């Protein structure tokens, strides 16, 4: 009997992650409606797990629901973006300190693969692909912290990745962005909690400043 609830939970999580991916890559734009019946048909399921996934995403502030209008991708204000980066920088500093002594050789290898993916994306001039690898690079470190609460909060802030792509498009050295991850990887390799925490914080603060600068120019 417990199989049905477990299957429903797995479906909900799979649907939730697919919707998040589409929000981050721009498939679902800000303010766009996410139609429960269409998502259910795509996955070949009832609308129940889709509805549950959307409720989870509303709690994570990726979507918002209105009576009789369904769920829509939540629009993130400039003010909110400015507030996100200091929070994410603090979270990643904590994650780095916790992950440094815990990360496995497999985790190190995965980080190397993501950095290689960033370099390939830079060579191809593909900023979106670079950001996908960038996000996964950081997620691996946060996962290695072993702190599920920290990971959940970190994942709830991923919506800023979409704005970062917009801020950097057309005016950035993609190779330089990729190589900015090298000091972070070296700190992981040293397994130095203090160093990795500082590198993680500095890295996020740098990109936060890029977004804030872009928003400032856009508002003038």
Protein backbone atom coordinates (compact mmCIF):
# COMPACT_ATOMS: atom_id res chain seq x y z
CA UNK A 1 0.00 0.00 0.00
CA UNK A 2 2.75 2.59 0.67
CA UNK A 3 3.87 2.34 -2.96
CA UNK A 4 1.15 4.64 -4.32
CA UNK A 5 1.97 7.62 -2.05
CA UNK A 6 5.68 7.13 -2.75
CA UNK A 7 5.08 7.06 -6.51
CA UNK A 8 2.98 10.22 -6.25
CA UNK A 9 5.77 11.96 -4.32
CA UNK A 10 8.34 10.93 -6.94
CA UNK A 11 6.11 12.19 -9.74
CA UNK A 12 5.54 15.46 -7.92
CA UNK A 13 9.28 15.99 -7.45
CA UNK A 14 10.06 15.13 -11.08
CA UNK A 15 7.40 17.52 -12.34
CA UNK A 16 8.54 20.22 -9.94
CA UNK A 17 12.15 20.01 -11.15
CA UNK A 18 11.07 20.08 -14.80
CA UNK A 19 9.01 23.22 -14.21
CA UNK A 20 11.92 24.86 -12.36
CA UNK A 21 14.24 24.05 -15.28
CA UNK A 22 11.82 25.68 -17.68
CA UNK A 23 11.46 28.77 -15.54
CA UNK A 24 15.24 29.12 -15.30
CA UNK A 25 15.90 28.57 -19.00
CA UNK A 26 13.14 30.98 -20.02
CA UNK A 27 10.74 28.40 -21.51
CA UNK A 28 8.21 29.72 -19.03
CA UNK A 29 8.63 33.48 -18.91
CA UNK A 30 7.74 35.82 -16.03
CA UNK A 31 3.98 36.12 -15.69
CA UNK A 32 3.30 33.16 -17.98
CA UNK A 33 0.54 30.76 -16.98
CA UNK A 34 1.43 27.12 -16.29
CA UNK A 35 -1.55 25.02 -17.34
CA UNK A 36 -2.06 22.03 -15.05
CA UNK A 37 -3.90 19.95 -17.67
CA UNK A 38 -1.16 20.52 -20.28
CA UNK A 39 1.63 19.50 -17.89
CA UNK A 40 -0.39 16.46 -16.76
CA UNK A 41 -0.93 15.38 -20.37
CA UNK A 42 2.77 15.78 -21.11
CA UNK A 43 3.74 13.52 -18.21
CA UNK A 44 0.85 11.13 -18.75
CA UNK A 45 -0.44 11.59 -15.20
CA UNK A 46 -3.49 12.99 -13.44
CA UNK A 47 -3.53 16.64 -12.45
CA UNK A 48 -3.04 15.77 -8.75
CA UNK A 49 0.80 15.49 -8.77
CA UNK A 50 1.01 18.58 -11.00
CA UNK A 51 -1.13 20.52 -8.56
CA UNK A 52 1.06 19.37 -5.66
CA UNK A 53 4.23 20.34 -7.56
CA UNK A 54 2.82 23.81 -8.20
CA UNK A 55 1.92 24.20 -4.53
CA UNK A 56 5.51 23.34 -3.61
CA UNK A 57 6.79 25.85 -6.17
CA UNK A 58 4.48 28.51 -4.79
CA UNK A 59 5.95 27.90 -1.33
CA UNK A 60 9.41 28.23 -2.91
CA UNK A 61 8.22 31.47 -4.58
CA UNK A 62 8.81 30.32 -8.15
CA UNK A 63 5.12 30.60 -9.03
CA UNK A 64 2.07 32.40 -7.71
CA UNK A 65 -1.56 31.32 -7.84
CA UNK A 66 -4.72 33.37 -8.10
CA UNK A 67 -8.32 32.14 -7.71
CA UNK A 68 -9.83 31.04 -11.04
CA UNK A 69 -6.63 32.04 -12.88
CA UNK A 70 -4.29 29.18 -12.01
CA UNK A 71 -0.53 29.32 -11.49
CA UNK A 72 1.80 31.79 -13.16
CA UNK A 73 5.57 32.26 -13.10
CA UNK A 74 6.24 34.83 -10.43
CA UNK A 75 7.87 38.04 -11.59
CA UNK A 76 10.91 38.96 -9.51
CA UNK A 77 11.33 42.64 -8.72
CA UNK A 78 14.62 44.49 -8.97
CA UNK A 79 14.48 45.17 -5.25
CA UNK A 80 14.11 41.47 -4.51
CA UNK A 81 17.09 40.59 -6.70
CA UNK A 82 19.23 43.11 -4.84
CA UNK A 83 18.19 41.43 -1.60
CA UNK A 84 18.80 37.86 -2.84
CA UNK A 85 22.54 38.12 -3.44
CA UNK A 86 23.72 38.94 0.11
CA UNK A 87 21.58 36.04 1.36
CA UNK A 88 22.97 33.64 -1.22
CA UNK A 89 26.54 34.80 -0.51
CA UNK A 90 26.07 34.06 3.19
CA UNK A 91 24.50 30.67 2.46
CA UNK A 92 27.32 29.66 0.14
CA UNK A 93 29.96 30.73 2.64
CA UNK A 94 28.38 28.41 5.22
CA UNK A 95 28.04 25.66 2.61
CA UNK A 96 31.70 25.99 1.65
CA UNK A 97 32.88 25.71 5.24
CA UNK A 98 30.76 22.60 5.78
CA UNK A 99 31.52 20.98 2.42
CA UNK A 100 35.32 21.34 2.46
CA UNK A 101 36.03 18.43 4.84
CA UNK A 102 33.10 16.33 3.60
CA UNK A 103 33.29 16.38 -0.18
CA UNK A 104 34.21 13.06 -1.77
CA UNK A 105 36.55 12.31 -4.66
CA UNK A 106 33.45 11.71 -6.74
CA UNK A 107 32.21 15.17 -5.82
CA UNK A 108 35.54 16.68 -6.84
CA UNK A 109 35.35 14.88 -10.17
CA UNK A 110 31.83 16.22 -10.75
CA UNK A 111 33.02 19.77 -10.05
CA UNK A 112 35.79 19.30 -12.60
CA UNK A 113 33.24 18.12 -15.16
CA UNK A 114 31.04 21.17 -14.58
CA UNK A 115 34.01 23.51 -14.96
CA UNK A 116 34.93 21.73 -18.20
CA UNK A 117 31.31 22.20 -19.30
CA UNK A 118 31.55 25.92 -18.55
CA UNK A 119 34.70 26.16 -20.65
CA UNK A 120 33.05 24.37 -23.57
CA UNK A 121 30.03 26.68 -23.31
CA UNK A 122 32.32 29.72 -23.24
CA UNK A 123 34.10 28.52 -26.37
CA UNK A 124 30.72 28.11 -28.07
CA UNK A 125 29.53 31.54 -26.89
CA UNK A 126 26.60 29.90 -25.11
CA UNK A 127 25.88 31.92 -21.96
CA UNK A 128 22.78 29.93 -21.07
CA UNK A 129 24.68 26.60 -21.13
CA UNK A 130 27.45 28.19 -19.09
CA UNK A 131 24.94 29.27 -16.43
CA UNK A 132 23.43 25.77 -16.30
CA UNK A 133 26.87 24.31 -15.54
CA UNK A 134 27.57 27.20 -13.14
CA UNK A 135 24.41 26.50 -11.15
CA UNK A 136 25.15 22.79 -10.95
CA UNK A 137 28.76 23.51 -9.88
CA UNK A 138 27.50 25.45 -6.87
CA UNK A 139 24.75 22.95 -6.14
CA UNK A 140 27.30 20.12 -5.86
CA UNK A 141 29.16 22.06 -3.16
CA UNK A 142 25.96 22.92 -1.29
CA UNK A 143 24.90 19.27 -1.46
CA UNK A 144 28.27 18.23 -0.05
CA UNK A 145 27.63 20.38 3.03
CA UNK A 146 25.26 17.65 4.21
CA UNK A 147 22.78 20.29 5.42
CA UNK A 148 19.35 19.66 3.87
CA UNK A 149 17.83 22.89 5.22
CA UNK A 150 20.67 24.87 3.66
CA UNK A 151 20.19 23.04 0.35
CA UNK A 152 16.44 23.68 0.31
CA UNK A 153 16.88 27.40 0.99
CA UNK A 154 19.65 27.65 -1.62
CA UNK A 155 17.47 25.98 -4.23
CA UNK A 156 14.63 28.39 -3.51
CA UNK A 157 16.91 31.27 -4.59
CA UNK A 158 17.77 29.85 -8.02
CA UNK A 159 15.29 32.16 -9.69
CA UNK A 160 18.02 34.83 -9.78
CA UNK A 161 19.95 32.74 -12.34
CA UNK A 162 17.47 33.85 -15.01
CA UNK A 163 18.17 37.50 -14.24
CA UNK A 164 21.92 36.91 -14.23
CA UNK A 165 21.75 35.63 -17.82
CA UNK A 166 19.90 38.81 -18.80
CA UNK A 167 22.41 41.00 -16.97
CA UNK A 168 25.46 39.42 -18.59
CA UNK A 169 24.17 38.89 -22.14
CA UNK A 170 26.20 40.61 -24.83
CA UNK A 171 28.74 42.30 -22.62
CA UNK A 172 30.71 39.62 -20.83
CA UNK A 173 33.82 37.55 -21.37
CA UNK A 174 32.43 34.04 -21.00
CA UNK A 175 35.88 32.53 -20.65
CA UNK A 176 36.57 34.85 -17.72
CA UNK A 177 33.28 33.83 -16.07
CA UNK A 178 34.22 30.16 -16.38
CA UNK A 179 37.71 30.70 -15.01
CA UNK A 180 36.35 32.55 -11.96
CA UNK A 181 35.33 29.10 -10.74
CA UNK A 182 38.89 27.83 -10.71
CA UNK A 183 39.81 29.40 -7.31
CA UNK A 184 36.68 27.85 -5.83
CA UNK A 185 37.64 24.43 -7.18
CA UNK A 186 41.19 24.82 -5.85
CA UNK A 187 39.84 25.66 -2.39
CA UNK A 188 37.71 22.50 -2.53
CA UNK A 189 40.77 20.48 -3.55
CA UNK A 190 42.68 21.89 -0.57
CA UNK A 191 39.71 20.94 1.65
CA UNK A 192 40.24 24.20 3.50
CA UNK A 193 36.95 25.29 5.15
CA UNK A 194 38.04 28.89 5.77
CA UNK A 195 39.38 29.37 2.25
CA UNK A 196 36.43 27.72 0.53
CA UNK A 197 33.95 29.75 2.56
CA UNK A 198 35.70 33.00 1.58
CA UNK A 199 35.97 32.01 -2.08
CA UNK A 200 32.29 31.07 -2.27
CA UNK A 201 31.18 34.35 -0.70
CA UNK A 202 33.47 36.47 -2.89
CA UNK A 203 32.30 34.65 -6.01
CA UNK A 204 28.60 35.30 -5.36
CA UNK A 205 29.21 38.89 -4.29
CA UNK A 206 31.01 39.54 -7.59
CA UNK A 207 28.07 38.31 -9.65
CA UNK A 208 25.62 40.06 -7.37
CA UNK A 209 27.42 43.33 -8.06
CA UNK A 210 27.14 42.63 -11.81
CA UNK A 211 23.37 42.21 -11.57
CA UNK A 212 22.90 45.24 -9.33
CA UNK A 213 25.00 47.32 -11.73
CA UNK A 214 22.90 46.14 -14.66
CA UNK A 215 19.68 46.98 -12.83
CA UNK A 216 21.01 50.42 -11.98
CA UNK A 217 21.81 51.17 -15.61
CA UNK A 218 18.49 49.76 -16.77
CA UNK A 219 16.67 52.10 -14.42
CA UNK A 220 18.40 55.22 -15.67
